[in-house]
Amino acid sequence: NQQRLLTNQLNTSRENYAKDKQSFDN
């Protein structure tokens, strides 16, 4: 259960990072 929560947080962080990185590059 703990691993499932951390995995969800990791996926969310990666999505946010990808959006911020694209915005920063632009």
PDB file of all heavy atoms in Angstrom:
ATOM      1  N   ASN A   1       0.830  -1.212   0.000  1.00  0.00           N
ATOM      2  CA  ASN A   1       0.000   0.000   0.000  1.00  0.00           C
ATOM      3  C   ASN A   1       0.865   1.262   0.000  1.00  0.00           C
ATOM      4  O   ASN A   1       0.579   2.225  -0.732  1.00  0.00           O
ATOM      5  CB  ASN A   1      -0.929   0.000   1.216  1.00  0.00           C
ATOM      6  CG  ASN A   1      -1.988  -1.091   1.121  1.00  0.00           C
ATOM      7  OD1 ASN A   1      -2.364  -1.512   0.036  1.00  0.00           O
ATOM      8  ND2 ASN A   1      -2.463  -1.567   2.275  1.00  0.00           N
ATOM      9  N   GLN A   2       1.910   1.244   0.842  1.00  0.00           N
ATOM     10  CA  GLN A   2       2.809   2.398   0.887  1.00  0.00           C
ATOM     11  C   GLN A   2       3.519   2.580  -0.449  1.00  0.00           C
ATOM     12  O   GLN A   2       3.671   3.705  -0.947  1.00  0.00           O
ATOM     13  CB  GLN A   2       3.829   2.201   2.017  1.00  0.00           C
ATOM     14  CG  GLN A   2       4.751   3.402   2.245  1.00  0.00           C
ATOM     15  CD  GLN A   2       5.722   3.154   3.383  1.00  0.00           C
ATOM     16  OE1 GLN A   2       5.714   2.089   4.011  1.00  0.00           O
ATOM     17  NE2 GLN A   2       6.597   4.129   3.639  1.00  0.00           N
ATOM     18  N   GLN A   3       3.925   1.478  -1.026  1.00  0.00           N
ATOM     19  CA  GLN A   3       4.606   1.534  -2.320  1.00  0.00           C
ATOM     20  C   GLN A   3       3.669   2.056  -3.412  1.00  0.00           C
ATOM     21  O   GLN A   3       4.091   2.807  -4.300  1.00  0.00           O
ATOM     22  CB  GLN A   3       5.125   0.140  -2.674  1.00  0.00           C
ATOM     23  CG  GLN A   3       6.118   0.117  -3.836  1.00  0.00           C
ATOM     24  CD  GLN A   3       6.648  -1.280  -4.066  1.00  0.00           C
ATOM     25  OE1 GLN A   3       5.949  -2.265  -3.856  1.00  0.00           O
ATOM     26  NE2 GLN A   3       7.901  -1.368  -4.459  1.00  0.00           N
ATOM     27  N   ARG A   4       2.417   1.701  -3.334  1.00  0.00           N
ATOM     28  CA  ARG A   4       1.439   2.174  -4.311  1.00  0.00           C
ATOM     29  C   ARG A   4       1.263   3.687  -4.216  1.00  0.00           C
ATOM     30  O   ARG A   4       1.202   4.392  -5.240  1.00  0.00           O
ATOM     31  CB  ARG A   4       0.094   1.468  -4.079  1.00  0.00           C
ATOM     32  CG  ARG A   4      -0.907   1.688  -5.201  1.00  0.00           C
ATOM     33  CD  ARG A   4      -2.196   0.947  -4.951  1.00  0.00           C
ATOM     34  NE  ARG A   4      -1.983  -0.478  -4.821  1.00  0.00           N
ATOM     35  CZ  ARG A   4      -2.069  -1.166  -3.701  1.00  0.00           C
ATOM     36  NH1 ARG A   4      -2.396  -0.537  -2.565  1.00  0.00           N
ATOM     37  NH2 ARG A   4      -1.859  -2.464  -3.666  1.00  0.00           N
ATOM     38  N   LEU A   5       1.208   4.209  -2.980  1.00  0.00           N
ATOM     39  CA  LEU A   5       1.082   5.661  -2.802  1.00  0.00           C
ATOM     40  C   LEU A   5       2.311   6.387  -3.326  1.00  0.00           C
ATOM     41  O   LEU A   5       2.194   7.428  -4.002  1.00  0.00           O
ATOM     42  CB  LEU A   5       0.876   5.982  -1.318  1.00  0.00           C
ATOM     43  CG  LEU A   5      -0.459   5.523  -0.709  1.00  0.00           C
ATOM     44  CD1 LEU A   5      -0.466   5.780   0.791  1.00  0.00           C
ATOM     45  CD2 LEU A   5      -1.630   6.224  -1.374  1.00  0.00           C
ATOM     46  N   LEU A   6       3.503   5.864  -3.005  1.00  0.00           N
ATOM     47  CA  LEU A   6       4.735   6.495  -3.479  1.00  0.00           C
ATOM     48  C   LEU A   6       4.825   6.460  -5.003  1.00  0.00           C
ATOM     49  O   LEU A   6       5.294   7.414  -5.627  1.00  0.00           O
ATOM     50  CB  LEU A   6       5.950   5.791  -2.859  1.00  0.00           C
ATOM     51  CG  LEU A   6       6.119   5.956  -1.347  1.00  0.00           C
ATOM     52  CD1 LEU A   6       7.280   5.101  -0.853  1.00  0.00           C
ATOM     53  CD2 LEU A   6       6.366   7.424  -0.987  1.00  0.00           C
ATOM     54  N   THR A   7       4.373   5.380  -5.584  1.00  0.00           N
ATOM     55  CA  THR A   7       4.402   5.274  -7.055  1.00  0.00           C
ATOM     56  C   THR A   7       3.469   6.298  -7.687  1.00  0.00           C
ATOM     57  O   THR A   7       3.819   6.922  -8.711  1.00  0.00           O
ATOM     58  CB  THR A   7       3.999   3.854  -7.482  1.00  0.00           C
ATOM     59  OG1 THR A   7       4.893   2.899  -6.897  1.00  0.00           O
ATOM     60  CG2 THR A   7       4.053   3.708  -8.998  1.00  0.00           C
ATOM     61  N   ASN A   8       2.309   6.512  -7.084  1.00  0.00           N
ATOM     62  CA  ASN A   8       1.392   7.539  -7.590  1.00  0.00           C
ATOM     63  C   ASN A   8       2.014   8.933  -7.474  1.00  0.00           C
ATOM     64  O   ASN A   8       1.902   9.761  -8.393  1.00  0.00           O
ATOM     65  CB  ASN A   8       0.078   7.495  -6.823  1.00  0.00           C
ATOM     66  CG  ASN A   8      -0.725   6.238  -7.128  1.00  0.00           C
ATOM     67  OD1 ASN A   8      -0.558   5.625  -8.196  1.00  0.00           O
ATOM     68  ND2 ASN A   8      -1.577   5.831  -6.201  1.00  0.00           N
ATOM     69  N   GLN A   9       2.677   9.195  -6.327  1.00  0.00           N
ATOM     70  CA  GLN A   9       3.346  10.491  -6.164  1.00  0.00           C
ATOM     71  C   GLN A   9       4.467  10.664  -7.191  1.00  0.00           C
ATOM     72  O   GLN A   9       4.651  11.758  -7.749  1.00  0.00           O
ATOM     73  CB  GLN A   9       3.916  10.601  -4.750  1.00  0.00           C
ATOM     74  CG  GLN A   9       2.860  10.667  -3.658  1.00  0.00           C
ATOM     75  CD  GLN A   9       3.462  10.715  -2.269  1.00  0.00           C
ATOM     76  OE1 GLN A   9       4.675  10.884  -2.106  1.00  0.00           O
ATOM     77  NE2 GLN A   9       2.615  10.568  -1.243  1.00  0.00           N
ATOM     78  N   LEU A  10       5.210   9.581  -7.437  1.00  0.00           N
ATOM     79  CA  LEU A  10       6.297   9.651  -8.411  1.00  0.00           C
ATOM     80  C   LEU A  10       5.755   9.937  -9.810  1.00  0.00           C
ATOM     81  O   LEU A  10       6.331  10.768 -10.542  1.00  0.00           O
ATOM     82  CB  LEU A  10       7.089   8.349  -8.391  1.00  0.00           C
ATOM     83  CG  LEU A  10       8.244   8.232  -9.390  1.00  0.00           C
ATOM     84  CD1 LEU A  10       9.291   9.317  -9.141  1.00  0.00           C
ATOM     85  CD2 LEU A  10       8.891   6.849  -9.322  1.00  0.00           C
ATOM     86  N   ASN A  11       4.681   9.295 -10.183  1.00  0.00           N
ATOM     87  CA  ASN A  11       4.100   9.533 -11.510  1.00  0.00           C
ATOM     88  C   ASN A  11       3.588  10.971 -11.640  1.00  0.00           C
ATOM     89  O   ASN A  11       3.782  11.618 -12.677  1.00  0.00           O
ATOM     90  CB  ASN A  11       2.955   8.549 -11.760  1.00  0.00           C
ATOM     91  CG  ASN A  11       3.442   7.121 -11.893  1.00  0.00           C
ATOM     92  OD1 ASN A  11       4.592   6.888 -12.284  1.00  0.00           O
ATOM     93  ND2 ASN A  11       2.586   6.161 -11.566  1.00  0.00           N
ATOM     94  N   THR A  12       2.976  11.461 -10.574  1.00  0.00           N
ATOM     95  CA  THR A  12       2.498  12.852 -10.597  1.00  0.00           C
ATOM     96  C   THR A  12       3.658  13.822 -10.713  1.00  0.00           C
ATOM     97  O   THR A  12       3.589  14.813 -11.467  1.00  0.00           O
ATOM     98  CB  THR A  12       1.690  13.145  -9.324  1.00  0.00           C
ATOM     99  OG1 THR A  12       0.599  12.224  -9.246  1.00  0.00           O
ATOM    100  CG2 THR A  12       1.149  14.561  -9.341  1.00  0.00           C
ATOM    101  N   SER A  13       4.745  13.548  -9.946  1.00  0.00           N
ATOM    102  CA  SER A  13       5.928  14.427  -9.998  1.00  0.00           C
ATOM    103  C   SER A  13       6.547  14.425 -11.387  1.00  0.00           C
ATOM    104  O   SER A  13       6.970  15.474 -11.883  1.00  0.00           O
ATOM    105  CB  SER A  13       6.942  13.973  -8.948  1.00  0.00           C
ATOM    106  OG  SER A  13       8.117  14.750  -9.016  1.00  0.00           O
ATOM    107  N   ARG A  14       6.590  13.278 -12.006  1.00  0.00           N
ATOM    108  CA  ARG A  14       7.174  13.200 -13.353  1.00  0.00           C
ATOM    109  C   ARG A  14       6.323  13.967 -14.363  1.00  0.00           C
ATOM    110  O   ARG A  14       6.864  14.643 -15.255  1.00  0.00           O
ATOM    111  CB  ARG A  14       7.297  11.737 -13.770  1.00  0.00           C
ATOM    112  CG  ARG A  14       8.442  10.994 -13.073  1.00  0.00           C
ATOM    113  CD  ARG A  14       8.420   9.522 -13.390  1.00  0.00           C
ATOM    114  NE  ARG A  14       9.566   8.829 -12.804  1.00  0.00           N
ATOM    115  CZ  ARG A  14       9.718   7.513 -12.777  1.00  0.00           C
ATOM    116  NH1 ARG A  14       8.778   6.738 -13.311  1.00  0.00           N
ATOM    117  NH2 ARG A  14      10.783   6.971 -12.224  1.00  0.00           N
ATOM    118  N   GLU A  15       5.015  13.864 -14.221  1.00  0.00           N
ATOM    119  CA  GLU A  15       4.137  14.613 -15.128  1.00  0.00           C
ATOM    120  C   GLU A  15       4.316  16.123 -14.936  1.00  0.00           C
ATOM    121  O   GLU A  15       4.402  16.873 -15.925  1.00  0.00           O
ATOM    122  CB  GLU A  15       2.679  14.216 -14.869  1.00  0.00           C
ATOM    123  CG  GLU A  15       2.359  12.786 -15.292  1.00  0.00           C
ATOM    124  CD  GLU A  15       0.945  12.403 -14.912  1.00  0.00           C
ATOM    125  OE1 GLU A  15       0.245  13.258 -14.313  1.00  0.00           O
ATOM    126  OE2 GLU A  15       0.529  11.249 -15.207  1.00  0.00           O
ATOM    127  N   ASN A  16       4.386  16.552 -13.680  1.00  0.00           N
ATOM    128  CA  ASN A  16       4.580  17.979 -13.411  1.00  0.00           C
ATOM    129  C   ASN A  16       5.936  18.452 -13.922  1.00  0.00           C
ATOM    130  O   ASN A  16       6.061  19.561 -14.475  1.00  0.00           O
ATOM    131  CB  ASN A  16       4.473  18.258 -11.908  1.00  0.00           C
ATOM    132  CG  ASN A  16       3.055  18.025 -11.400  1.00  0.00           C
ATOM    133  OD1 ASN A  16       2.090  18.112 -12.151  1.00  0.00           O
ATOM    134  ND2 ASN A  16       2.931  17.723 -10.113  1.00  0.00           N
ATOM    135  N   TYR A  17       6.939  17.616 -13.719  1.00  0.00           N
ATOM    136  CA  TYR A  17       8.278  17.987 -14.205  1.00  0.00           C
ATOM    137  C   TYR A  17       8.290  18.119 -15.728  1.00  0.00           C
ATOM    138  O   TYR A  17       8.887  19.054 -16.275  1.00  0.00           O
ATOM    139  CB  TYR A  17       9.302  16.941 -13.753  1.00  0.00           C
ATOM    140  CG  TYR A  17      10.685  17.175 -14.316  1.00  0.00           C
ATOM    141  CD1 TYR A  17      11.535  18.131 -13.744  1.00  0.00           C
ATOM    142  CD2 TYR A  17      11.133  16.469 -15.437  1.00  0.00           C
ATOM    143  CE1 TYR A  17      12.805  18.358 -14.272  1.00  0.00           C
ATOM    144  CE2 TYR A  17      12.394  16.690 -15.971  1.00  0.00           C
ATOM    145  CZ  TYR A  17      13.221  17.631 -15.381  1.00  0.00           C
ATOM    146  OH  TYR A  17      14.470  17.858 -15.904  1.00  0.00           O
ATOM    147  N   ALA A  18       7.637  17.190 -16.409  1.00  0.00           N
ATOM    148  CA  ALA A  18       7.613  17.259 -17.880  1.00  0.00           C
ATOM    149  C   ALA A  18       6.919  18.527 -18.359  1.00  0.00           C
ATOM    150  O   ALA A  18       7.381  19.188 -19.309  1.00  0.00           O
ATOM    151  CB  ALA A  18       6.914  16.016 -18.434  1.00  0.00           C
ATOM    152  N   LYS A  19       5.830  18.908 -17.691  1.00  0.00           N
ATOM    153  CA  LYS A  19       5.134  20.131 -18.088  1.00  0.00           C
ATOM    154  C   LYS A  19       5.998  21.372 -17.820  1.00  0.00           C
ATOM    155  O   LYS A  19       6.109  22.260 -18.673  1.00  0.00           O
ATOM    156  CB  LYS A  19       3.816  20.239 -17.317  1.00  0.00           C
ATOM    157  CG  LYS A  19       2.799  19.185 -17.690  1.00  0.00           C
ATOM    158  CD  LYS A  19       1.546  19.324 -16.849  1.00  0.00           C
ATOM    159  CE  LYS A  19       0.529  18.247 -17.163  1.00  0.00           C
ATOM    160  NZ  LYS A  19      -0.683  18.348 -16.317  1.00  0.00           N
ATOM    161  N   ASP A  20       6.611  21.421 -16.607  1.00  0.00           N
ATOM    162  CA  ASP A  20       7.445  22.574 -16.268  1.00  0.00           C
ATOM    163  C   ASP A  20       8.672  22.650 -17.161  1.00  0.00           C
ATOM    164  O   ASP A  20       9.109  23.745 -17.563  1.00  0.00           O
ATOM    165  CB  ASP A  20       7.874  22.500 -14.799  1.00  0.00           C
ATOM    166  CG  ASP A  20       6.688  22.676 -13.852  1.00  0.00           C
ATOM    167  OD1 ASP A  20       5.640  23.181 -14.317  1.00  0.00           O
ATOM    168  OD2 ASP A  20       6.799  22.305 -12.672  1.00  0.00           O
ATOM    169  N   LYS A  21       9.235  21.485 -17.504  1.00  0.00           N
ATOM    170  CA  LYS A  21      10.419  21.471 -18.380  1.00  0.00           C
ATOM    171  C   LYS A  21      10.067  21.970 -19.766  1.00  0.00           C
ATOM    172  O   LYS A  21      10.814  22.755 -20.374  1.00  0.00           O
ATOM    173  CB  LYS A  21      10.953  20.043 -18.473  1.00  0.00           C
ATOM    174  CG  LYS A  21      12.225  19.881 -19.322  1.00  0.00           C
ATOM    175  CD  LYS A  21      13.410  20.535 -18.655  1.00  0.00           C
ATOM    176  CE  LYS A  21      14.714  20.135 -19.332  1.00  0.00           C
ATOM    177  NZ  LYS A  21      14.754  20.405 -20.765  1.00  0.00           N
ATOM    178  N   GLN A  22       8.919  21.579 -20.280  1.00  0.00           N
ATOM    179  CA  GLN A  22       8.495  22.053 -21.601  1.00  0.00           C
ATOM    180  C   GLN A  22       8.239  23.557 -21.576  1.00  0.00           C
ATOM    181  O   GLN A  22       8.645  24.291 -22.492  1.00  0.00           O
ATOM    182  CB  GLN A  22       7.229  21.311 -22.030  1.00  0.00           C
ATOM    183  CG  GLN A  22       6.721  21.684 -23.410  1.00  0.00           C
ATOM    184  CD  GLN A  22       7.685  21.283 -24.508  1.00  0.00           C
ATOM    185  OE1 GLN A  22       8.336  20.252 -24.411  1.00  0.00           O
ATOM    186  NE2 GLN A  22       7.814  22.101 -25.535  1.00  0.00           N
ATOM    187  N   SER A  23       7.605  24.024 -20.500  1.00  0.00           N
ATOM    188  CA  SER A  23       7.356  25.464 -20.368  1.00  0.00           C
ATOM    189  C   SER A  23       8.660  26.253 -20.251  1.00  0.00           C
ATOM    190  O   SER A  23       8.816  27.325 -20.856  1.00  0.00           O
ATOM    191  CB  SER A  23       6.474  25.723 -19.140  1.00  0.00           C
ATOM    192  OG  SER A  23       6.264  27.108 -18.949  1.00  0.00           O
ATOM    193  N   PHE A  24       9.610  25.666 -19.477  1.00  0.00           N
ATOM    194  CA  PHE A  24      10.899  26.343 -19.309  1.00  0.00           C
ATOM    195  C   PHE A  24      11.664  26.410 -20.630  1.00  0.00           C
ATOM    196  O   PHE A  24      12.269  27.441 -20.972  1.00  0.00           O
ATOM    197  CB  PHE A  24      11.721  25.602 -18.248  1.00  0.00           C
ATOM    198  CG  PHE A  24      13.088  26.179 -18.036  1.00  0.00           C
ATOM    199  CD1 PHE A  24      13.263  27.435 -17.450  1.00  0.00           C
ATOM    200  CD2 PHE A  24      14.218  25.474 -18.437  1.00  0.00           C
ATOM    201  CE1 PHE A  24      14.537  27.959 -17.260  1.00  0.00           C
ATOM    202  CE2 PHE A  24      15.483  25.997 -18.253  1.00  0.00           C
ATOM    203  CZ  PHE A  24      15.647  27.245 -17.659  1.00  0.00           C
ATOM    204  N   ASP A  25      11.654  25.328 -21.387  1.00  0.00           N
ATOM    205  CA  ASP A  25      12.349  25.313 -22.675  1.00  0.00           C
ATOM    206  C   ASP A  25      11.741  26.324 -23.627  1.00  0.00           C
ATOM    207  O   ASP A  25      12.467  27.054 -24.341  1.00  0.00           O
ATOM    208  CB  ASP A  25      12.298  23.918 -23.292  1.00  0.00           C
ATOM    209  CG  ASP A  25      13.135  22.919 -22.503  1.00  0.00           C
ATOM    210  OD1 ASP A  25      14.021  23.359 -21.751  1.00  0.00           O
ATOM    211  OD2 ASP A  25      12.892  21.680 -22.645  1.00  0.00           O
ATOM    212  N   ASN A  26      10.432  26.440 -23.642  1.00  0.00           N
ATOM    213  CA  ASN A  26       9.782  27.423 -24.508  1.00  0.00           C
ATOM    214  C   ASN A  26      10.117  28.850 -24.058  1.00  0.00           C
ATOM    215  O   ASN A  26      10.346  29.748 -24.882  1.00  0.00           O
ATOM    216  CB  ASN A  26       8.264  27.213 -24.496  1.00  0.00           C
ATOM    217  CG  ASN A  26       7.869  25.876 -25.114  1.00  0.00           C
ATOM    218  OD1 ASN A  26       8.615  25.297 -25.915  1.00  0.00           O
ATOM    219  ND2 ASN A  26       6.695  25.371 -24.746  1.00  0.00           N
TER     220      ASN A  26
END
